[in-house]
Amino acid sequence: MLTTDQKSTVQDFPTATLVVGGPWFRGRQGDSRPAVVVFPLGGPDLPGDPTMVVVWFFTLGAPEPGDNVQAMFPHELTPLDDTLTSMNQDVFRDLVCSLRRGRFAYDDGVQLRATVRQAWRERTGLADADPAARQTLHRS
């Protein structure tokens, strides 16, 4: 947890972290709303350590680059104590449905999709089930 004296960094926002931030539209920052971290912005094509994270404002609909999938500086985001496995069931269901309909640039949502699938397994009790139990659960 960050204190008021500490500045947040990209490392404070790993993939699938739930945050609150204000999305940008036409040069203006909108009202704060929940989002989920997709990935840190950086890598082999960008020099130095990542300084931003890409977030998806999932309450604005299916992911679409530029509309509700945006790069944000860490100081623009506030982490939430909630996680994908503990968030409200209806909100999680909406997030999963929207994730299936949307797209990320360059397929950058691979890690987020995998993390959401794992959270779904944990929420439904399938994460701890052995393979034989999973077969039984799917057939019923």
N, C-alpha and C. Protein backbone atom coordinates (compact mmCIF):
# COMPACT_ATOMS: atom_id res chain seq x y z
N MET A 1 0.84 -1.17 0.00
CA MET A 1 0.00 0.00 0.00
C MET A 1 0.89 1.25 0.00
N LEU A 2 0.51 2.21 -0.78
CA LEU A 2 1.29 3.44 -0.89
C LEU A 2 0.90 4.42 0.20
N THR A 3 1.87 5.16 0.69
CA THR A 3 1.58 6.24 1.62
C THR A 3 1.55 7.53 0.83
N THR A 4 1.12 8.60 1.45
CA THR A 4 1.03 9.88 0.75
C THR A 4 2.40 10.43 0.38
N ASP A 5 3.46 9.94 1.04
CA ASP A 5 4.81 10.43 0.75
C ASP A 5 5.44 9.71 -0.45
N GLN A 6 4.90 8.55 -0.82
CA GLN A 6 5.49 7.77 -1.89
C GLN A 6 4.83 8.09 -3.22
N LYS A 7 5.66 8.09 -4.28
CA LYS A 7 5.12 8.24 -5.63
C LYS A 7 4.93 6.85 -6.20
N SER A 8 3.80 6.63 -6.85
CA SER A 8 3.55 5.33 -7.44
C SER A 8 4.38 5.17 -8.72
N THR A 9 4.72 3.93 -9.01
CA THR A 9 5.50 3.60 -10.21
C THR A 9 4.76 2.51 -10.97
N VAL A 10 5.23 2.22 -12.15
CA VAL A 10 4.63 1.17 -12.98
C VAL A 10 4.62 -0.16 -12.23
N GLN A 11 5.65 -0.42 -11.44
CA GLN A 11 5.73 -1.68 -10.70
C GLN A 11 4.58 -1.84 -9.70
N ASP A 12 3.95 -0.74 -9.30
CA ASP A 12 2.82 -0.80 -8.38
C ASP A 12 1.53 -1.24 -9.07
N PHE A 13 1.58 -1.39 -10.41
CA PHE A 13 0.38 -1.69 -11.18
C PHE A 13 0.61 -2.87 -12.12
N PRO A 14 0.74 -4.09 -11.58
CA PRO A 14 0.89 -5.25 -12.45
C PRO A 14 -0.41 -5.54 -13.22
N THR A 15 -0.31 -6.34 -14.26
CA THR A 15 -1.47 -6.73 -15.05
C THR A 15 -2.60 -7.22 -14.15
N ALA A 16 -3.81 -6.80 -14.46
CA ALA A 16 -5.06 -7.18 -13.78
C ALA A 16 -5.30 -6.44 -12.47
N THR A 17 -4.47 -5.44 -12.15
CA THR A 17 -4.72 -4.63 -10.96
C THR A 17 -5.94 -3.75 -11.23
N LEU A 18 -6.86 -3.73 -10.30
CA LEU A 18 -8.03 -2.86 -10.42
C LEU A 18 -7.66 -1.48 -9.89
N VAL A 19 -8.01 -0.46 -10.66
CA VAL A 19 -7.64 0.91 -10.34
C VAL A 19 -8.81 1.84 -10.58
N VAL A 20 -8.65 3.08 -10.14
CA VAL A 20 -9.59 4.16 -10.47
C VAL A 20 -8.77 5.25 -11.14
N GLY A 21 -9.31 5.77 -12.23
CA GLY A 21 -8.63 6.85 -12.95
C GLY A 21 -9.61 7.55 -13.86
N GLY A 22 -9.20 8.67 -14.37
CA GLY A 22 -10.03 9.44 -15.29
C GLY A 22 -9.56 9.27 -16.71
N PRO A 23 -10.38 8.66 -17.58
CA PRO A 23 -9.96 8.51 -18.97
C PRO A 23 -9.90 9.86 -19.69
N TRP A 24 -9.08 9.92 -20.71
CA TRP A 24 -8.91 11.14 -21.49
C TRP A 24 -9.75 11.08 -22.76
N PHE A 25 -10.49 12.15 -23.05
CA PHE A 25 -11.27 12.27 -24.27
C PHE A 25 -11.05 13.66 -24.83
N ARG A 26 -10.53 13.72 -26.05
CA ARG A 26 -10.32 15.00 -26.75
C ARG A 26 -9.56 16.03 -25.90
N GLY A 27 -8.49 15.58 -25.27
CA GLY A 27 -7.64 16.48 -24.52
C GLY A 27 -8.13 16.83 -23.13
N ARG A 28 -9.23 16.24 -22.69
CA ARG A 28 -9.76 16.51 -21.34
C ARG A 28 -9.88 15.21 -20.59
N GLN A 29 -9.54 15.28 -19.31
CA GLN A 29 -9.67 14.10 -18.48
C GLN A 29 -11.08 14.04 -17.91
N GLY A 30 -11.72 12.90 -18.08
CA GLY A 30 -13.08 12.71 -17.61
C GLY A 30 -13.14 12.34 -16.14
N ASP A 31 -14.36 12.10 -15.69
CA ASP A 31 -14.58 11.69 -14.31
C ASP A 31 -13.91 10.36 -14.02
N SER A 32 -13.50 10.17 -12.79
CA SER A 32 -12.85 8.93 -12.38
C SER A 32 -13.83 7.77 -12.46
N ARG A 33 -13.28 6.62 -12.88
CA ARG A 33 -14.07 5.41 -12.98
C ARG A 33 -13.15 4.21 -12.85
N PRO A 34 -13.70 3.04 -12.59
CA PRO A 34 -12.84 1.86 -12.44
C PRO A 34 -12.23 1.42 -13.76
N ALA A 35 -11.06 0.83 -13.65
CA ALA A 35 -10.34 0.30 -14.81
C ALA A 35 -9.52 -0.90 -14.34
N VAL A 36 -8.99 -1.62 -15.29
CA VAL A 36 -8.11 -2.74 -14.99
C VAL A 36 -6.84 -2.56 -15.82
N VAL A 37 -5.69 -2.85 -15.20
CA VAL A 37 -4.41 -2.70 -15.89
C VAL A 37 -4.25 -3.83 -16.90
N VAL A 38 -3.90 -3.47 -18.13
CA VAL A 38 -3.71 -4.44 -19.20
C VAL A 38 -2.24 -4.87 -19.24
N PHE A 39 -1.32 -3.91 -19.21
CA PHE A 39 0.11 -4.22 -19.22
C PHE A 39 0.91 -2.93 -19.02
N PRO A 40 2.19 -3.06 -18.60
CA PRO A 40 3.05 -1.87 -18.54
C PRO A 40 3.44 -1.47 -19.95
N LEU A 41 3.51 -0.18 -20.22
CA LEU A 41 3.87 0.31 -21.54
C LEU A 41 5.37 0.43 -21.61
N GLY A 42 5.97 -0.42 -22.37
CA GLY A 42 7.42 -0.45 -22.52
C GLY A 42 7.79 -1.75 -23.20
N GLY A 43 9.03 -2.02 -23.27
CA GLY A 43 9.47 -3.25 -23.90
C GLY A 43 10.62 -3.02 -24.84
N PRO A 44 10.88 -4.00 -25.70
CA PRO A 44 12.05 -3.92 -26.56
C PRO A 44 12.02 -2.76 -27.55
N ASP A 45 10.83 -2.30 -27.93
CA ASP A 45 10.74 -1.21 -28.90
C ASP A 45 10.88 0.16 -28.26
N LEU A 46 10.73 0.24 -26.95
CA LEU A 46 10.82 1.52 -26.25
C LEU A 46 12.03 1.50 -25.32
N PRO A 47 12.88 2.52 -25.40
CA PRO A 47 14.07 2.55 -24.54
C PRO A 47 13.70 2.80 -23.08
N GLY A 48 14.51 2.26 -22.19
CA GLY A 48 14.33 2.51 -20.76
C GLY A 48 13.21 1.69 -20.14
N ASP A 49 13.01 1.94 -18.87
CA ASP A 49 11.96 1.24 -18.13
C ASP A 49 10.60 1.83 -18.46
N PRO A 50 9.55 1.02 -18.37
CA PRO A 50 8.21 1.54 -18.62
C PRO A 50 7.86 2.66 -17.64
N THR A 51 7.21 3.70 -18.15
CA THR A 51 6.79 4.81 -17.30
C THR A 51 5.28 4.96 -17.25
N MET A 52 4.57 4.17 -18.08
CA MET A 52 3.11 4.22 -18.13
C MET A 52 2.56 2.80 -18.11
N VAL A 53 1.26 2.70 -17.82
CA VAL A 53 0.57 1.42 -17.93
C VAL A 53 -0.64 1.63 -18.84
N VAL A 54 -1.00 0.59 -19.54
CA VAL A 54 -2.20 0.62 -20.37
C VAL A 54 -3.34 0.08 -19.52
N VAL A 55 -4.43 0.82 -19.47
CA VAL A 55 -5.59 0.40 -18.68
C VAL A 55 -6.82 0.34 -19.58
N TRP A 56 -7.75 -0.50 -19.17
CA TRP A 56 -9.03 -0.64 -19.86
C TRP A 56 -10.11 -0.16 -18.91
N PHE A 57 -10.83 0.87 -19.29
CA PHE A 57 -11.96 1.37 -18.51
C PHE A 57 -13.17 0.51 -18.88
N PHE A 58 -13.28 -0.63 -18.21
CA PHE A 58 -14.24 -1.66 -18.59
C PHE A 58 -15.70 -1.24 -18.42
N THR A 59 -15.98 -0.23 -17.63
CA THR A 59 -17.37 0.22 -17.49
C THR A 59 -17.82 1.02 -18.71
N LEU A 60 -16.88 1.35 -19.60
CA LEU A 60 -17.21 2.07 -20.83
C LEU A 60 -17.43 1.13 -22.01
N GLY A 61 -17.46 -0.18 -21.76
CA GLY A 61 -17.73 -1.14 -22.82
C GLY A 61 -16.55 -2.00 -23.17
N ALA A 62 -16.73 -2.78 -24.24
CA ALA A 62 -15.69 -3.69 -24.71
C ALA A 62 -14.42 -2.92 -25.04
N PRO A 63 -13.25 -3.54 -24.82
CA PRO A 63 -11.99 -2.82 -25.07
C PRO A 63 -11.83 -2.40 -26.52
N GLU A 64 -11.52 -1.14 -26.71
CA GLU A 64 -11.24 -0.55 -28.02
C GLU A 64 -10.09 0.44 -27.83
N PRO A 65 -8.95 0.21 -28.47
CA PRO A 65 -7.82 1.12 -28.31
C PRO A 65 -8.20 2.57 -28.60
N GLY A 66 -7.79 3.45 -27.70
CA GLY A 66 -8.05 4.88 -27.85
C GLY A 66 -9.35 5.33 -27.23
N ASP A 67 -10.37 4.49 -27.27
CA ASP A 67 -11.65 4.86 -26.68
C ASP A 67 -11.64 4.60 -25.18
N ASN A 68 -11.50 3.34 -24.81
CA ASN A 68 -11.49 3.01 -23.39
C ASN A 68 -10.26 2.20 -22.98
N VAL A 69 -9.32 2.03 -23.89
CA VAL A 69 -8.02 1.43 -23.58
C VAL A 69 -7.00 2.52 -23.81
N GLN A 70 -6.40 3.00 -22.72
CA GLN A 70 -5.51 4.15 -22.81
C GLN A 70 -4.26 3.96 -21.95
N ALA A 71 -3.20 4.61 -22.35
CA ALA A 71 -1.97 4.65 -21.55
C ALA A 71 -2.12 5.74 -20.50
N MET A 72 -1.77 5.41 -19.27
CA MET A 72 -1.90 6.35 -18.16
C MET A 72 -0.59 6.35 -17.36
N PHE A 73 -0.28 7.50 -16.79
CA PHE A 73 0.85 7.58 -15.87
C PHE A 73 0.41 7.04 -14.51
N PRO A 74 1.31 6.42 -13.77
CA PRO A 74 0.94 5.89 -12.46
C PRO A 74 0.32 6.92 -11.53
N HIS A 75 0.77 8.18 -11.59
CA HIS A 75 0.20 9.19 -10.68
C HIS A 75 -1.25 9.52 -11.03
N GLU A 76 -1.75 9.08 -12.20
CA GLU A 76 -3.13 9.32 -12.59
C GLU A 76 -4.07 8.22 -12.09
N LEU A 77 -3.50 7.19 -11.48
CA LEU A 77 -4.27 6.02 -11.06
C LEU A 77 -4.21 5.81 -9.56
N THR A 78 -5.29 5.28 -9.03
CA THR A 78 -5.34 4.90 -7.62
C THR A 78 -5.70 3.41 -7.56
N PRO A 79 -4.83 2.59 -6.96
CA PRO A 79 -5.15 1.16 -6.88
C PRO A 79 -6.33 0.90 -5.95
N LEU A 80 -7.12 -0.10 -6.28
CA LEU A 80 -8.24 -0.51 -5.43
C LEU A 80 -7.83 -1.73 -4.62
N ASP A 81 -8.47 -1.91 -3.48
CA ASP A 81 -8.19 -3.09 -2.66
C ASP A 81 -8.85 -4.34 -3.24
N ASP A 82 -9.81 -4.18 -4.12
CA ASP A 82 -10.53 -5.28 -4.73
C ASP A 82 -9.66 -5.98 -5.77
N THR A 83 -9.98 -7.24 -6.07
CA THR A 83 -9.28 -8.01 -7.11
C THR A 83 -10.32 -8.64 -8.03
N LEU A 84 -9.85 -9.24 -9.10
CA LEU A 84 -10.77 -9.92 -10.01
C LEU A 84 -11.53 -11.05 -9.32
N THR A 85 -10.92 -11.68 -8.35
CA THR A 85 -11.61 -12.79 -7.67
C THR A 85 -12.53 -12.31 -6.55
N SER A 86 -12.34 -11.10 -6.07
CA SER A 86 -13.20 -10.63 -4.96
C SER A 86 -14.20 -9.55 -5.38
N MET A 87 -14.09 -9.04 -6.60
CA MET A 87 -15.00 -7.98 -7.02
C MET A 87 -16.43 -8.50 -7.15
N ASN A 88 -17.37 -7.60 -7.20
CA ASN A 88 -18.79 -7.93 -7.32
C ASN A 88 -19.01 -8.90 -8.49
N GLN A 89 -19.81 -9.94 -8.25
CA GLN A 89 -20.05 -10.99 -9.25
C GLN A 89 -20.62 -10.43 -10.55
N ASP A 90 -21.60 -9.53 -10.46
CA ASP A 90 -22.22 -8.97 -11.67
C ASP A 90 -21.24 -8.11 -12.46
N VAL A 91 -20.42 -7.35 -11.76
CA VAL A 91 -19.42 -6.52 -12.43
C VAL A 91 -18.39 -7.41 -13.12
N PHE A 92 -17.97 -8.48 -12.43
CA PHE A 92 -17.01 -9.41 -13.02
C PHE A 92 -17.60 -10.06 -14.27
N ARG A 93 -18.85 -10.47 -14.22
CA ARG A 93 -19.51 -11.09 -15.37
C ARG A 93 -19.54 -10.11 -16.55
N ASP A 94 -19.87 -8.85 -16.29
CA ASP A 94 -19.88 -7.84 -17.35
C ASP A 94 -18.49 -7.64 -17.94
N LEU A 95 -17.48 -7.63 -17.07
CA LEU A 95 -16.09 -7.48 -17.53
C LEU A 95 -15.72 -8.63 -18.46
N VAL A 96 -16.06 -9.87 -18.07
CA VAL A 96 -15.73 -11.04 -18.89
C VAL A 96 -16.44 -10.97 -20.24
N CYS A 97 -17.72 -10.63 -20.24
CA CYS A 97 -18.48 -10.54 -21.50
C CYS A 97 -17.91 -9.46 -22.40
N SER A 98 -17.58 -8.30 -21.84
CA SER A 98 -17.00 -7.21 -22.63
C SER A 98 -15.63 -7.60 -23.18
N LEU A 99 -14.85 -8.29 -22.38
CA LEU A 99 -13.51 -8.70 -22.79
C LEU A 99 -13.58 -9.60 -24.02
N ARG A 100 -14.57 -10.46 -24.06
CA ARG A 100 -14.74 -11.37 -25.21
C ARG A 100 -15.10 -10.62 -26.48
N ARG A 101 -15.82 -9.52 -26.37
CA ARG A 101 -16.27 -8.76 -27.55
C ARG A 101 -15.24 -7.75 -28.05
N GLY A 102 -14.30 -7.38 -27.21
CA GLY A 102 -13.39 -6.29 -27.57
C GLY A 102 -12.09 -6.75 -28.18
N ARG A 103 -11.22 -5.78 -28.39
CA ARG A 103 -9.90 -6.06 -28.94
C ARG A 103 -8.87 -5.10 -28.34
N PHE A 104 -7.65 -5.57 -28.33
CA PHE A 104 -6.52 -4.75 -27.90
C PHE A 104 -5.58 -4.61 -29.09
N ALA A 105 -4.88 -3.51 -29.17
CA ALA A 105 -3.91 -3.31 -30.24
C ALA A 105 -2.81 -4.36 -30.14
N TYR A 106 -2.42 -4.91 -31.27
CA TYR A 106 -1.31 -5.86 -31.34
C TYR A 106 -1.49 -7.06 -30.42
N ASP A 107 -2.73 -7.38 -30.06
CA ASP A 107 -3.04 -8.50 -29.17
C ASP A 107 -2.34 -8.36 -27.81
N ASP A 108 -2.24 -7.14 -27.33
CA ASP A 108 -1.58 -6.88 -26.06
C ASP A 108 -2.39 -7.34 -24.85
N GLY A 109 -3.59 -7.81 -25.05
CA GLY A 109 -4.41 -8.24 -23.93
C GLY A 109 -4.25 -9.70 -23.55
N VAL A 110 -3.26 -10.38 -24.09
CA VAL A 110 -3.07 -11.81 -23.84
C VAL A 110 -2.94 -12.11 -22.35
N GLN A 111 -2.07 -11.40 -21.66
CA GLN A 111 -1.84 -11.66 -20.23
C GLN A 111 -3.09 -11.34 -19.41
N LEU A 112 -3.77 -10.25 -19.74
CA LEU A 112 -5.00 -9.91 -19.02
C LEU A 112 -6.05 -10.99 -19.24
N ARG A 113 -6.22 -11.45 -20.47
CA ARG A 113 -7.20 -12.51 -20.75
C ARG A 113 -6.88 -13.77 -19.94
N ALA A 114 -5.61 -14.14 -19.88
CA ALA A 114 -5.21 -15.32 -19.10
C ALA A 114 -5.51 -15.12 -17.62
N THR A 115 -5.27 -13.94 -17.11
CA THR A 115 -5.52 -13.65 -15.69
C THR A 115 -7.02 -13.65 -15.39
N VAL A 116 -7.82 -13.14 -16.31
CA VAL A 116 -9.28 -13.15 -16.13
C VAL A 116 -9.79 -14.59 -16.15
N ARG A 117 -9.26 -15.42 -17.07
CA ARG A 117 -9.67 -16.84 -17.09
C ARG A 117 -9.33 -17.52 -15.78
N GLN A 118 -8.14 -17.23 -15.23
CA GLN A 118 -7.74 -17.83 -13.95
C GLN A 118 -8.66 -17.36 -12.83
N ALA A 119 -9.02 -16.08 -12.82
CA ALA A 119 -9.94 -15.56 -11.81
C ALA A 119 -11.30 -16.23 -11.93
N TRP A 120 -11.76 -16.46 -13.16
CA TRP A 120 -13.03 -17.15 -13.36
C TRP A 120 -12.97 -18.57 -12.78
N ARG A 121 -11.86 -19.26 -13.03
CA ARG A 121 -11.70 -20.62 -12.48
C ARG A 121 -11.71 -20.59 -10.95
N GLU A 122 -11.04 -19.62 -10.37
CA GLU A 122 -11.01 -19.50 -8.91
C GLU A 122 -12.40 -19.19 -8.36
N ARG A 123 -13.13 -18.31 -9.03
CA ARG A 123 -14.46 -17.92 -8.57
C ARG A 123 -15.45 -19.08 -8.65
N THR A 124 -15.27 -19.95 -9.63
CA THR A 124 -16.20 -21.06 -9.80
C THR A 124 -15.73 -22.33 -9.10
N GLY A 125 -14.56 -22.28 -8.48
CA GLY A 125 -14.05 -23.45 -7.77
C GLY A 125 -13.34 -24.45 -8.66
N LEU A 126 -13.14 -24.11 -9.92
CA LEU A 126 -12.48 -25.03 -10.85
C LEU A 126 -10.96 -25.00 -10.72
N ALA A 127 -10.41 -23.97 -10.13
CA ALA A 127 -8.95 -23.85 -10.03
C ALA A 127 -8.36 -24.96 -9.18
N ASP A 128 -9.10 -25.40 -8.15
CA ASP A 128 -8.59 -26.42 -7.26
C ASP A 128 -9.05 -27.82 -7.64
N ALA A 129 -9.97 -27.92 -8.59
CA ALA A 129 -10.51 -29.21 -8.97
C ALA A 129 -9.50 -30.00 -9.79
N ASP A 130 -9.51 -31.32 -9.62
CA ASP A 130 -8.64 -32.15 -10.46
C ASP A 130 -9.29 -32.30 -11.83
N PRO A 131 -8.53 -32.74 -12.85
CA PRO A 131 -9.07 -32.82 -14.22
C PRO A 131 -10.34 -33.68 -14.31
N ALA A 132 -10.42 -34.77 -13.57
CA ALA A 132 -11.61 -35.62 -13.61
C ALA A 132 -12.83 -34.87 -13.09
N ALA A 133 -12.64 -34.07 -12.05
CA ALA A 133 -13.75 -33.29 -11.50
C ALA A 133 -14.20 -32.22 -12.49
N ARG A 134 -13.24 -31.63 -13.20
CA ARG A 134 -13.59 -30.61 -14.19
C ARG A 134 -14.45 -31.20 -15.29
N GLN A 135 -14.12 -32.41 -15.75
CA GLN A 135 -14.93 -33.05 -16.78
C GLN A 135 -16.35 -33.26 -16.28
N THR A 136 -16.51 -33.70 -15.06
CA THR A 136 -17.82 -33.92 -14.48
C THR A 136 -18.60 -32.61 -14.36
N LEU A 137 -17.92 -31.55 -13.92
CA LEU A 137 -18.59 -30.26 -13.75
C LEU A 137 -19.07 -29.70 -15.09
N HIS A 138 -18.30 -29.90 -16.15
CA HIS A 138 -18.71 -29.35 -17.46
C HIS A 138 -19.86 -30.13 -18.08
N ARG A 139 -19.98 -31.41 -17.75
CA ARG A 139 -21.03 -32.22 -18.35
C ARG A 139 -22.37 -32.09 -17.66
N SER A 140 -22.39 -31.57 -16.43
CA SER A 140 -23.67 -31.50 -15.74
C SER A 140 -24.50 -30.33 -16.14
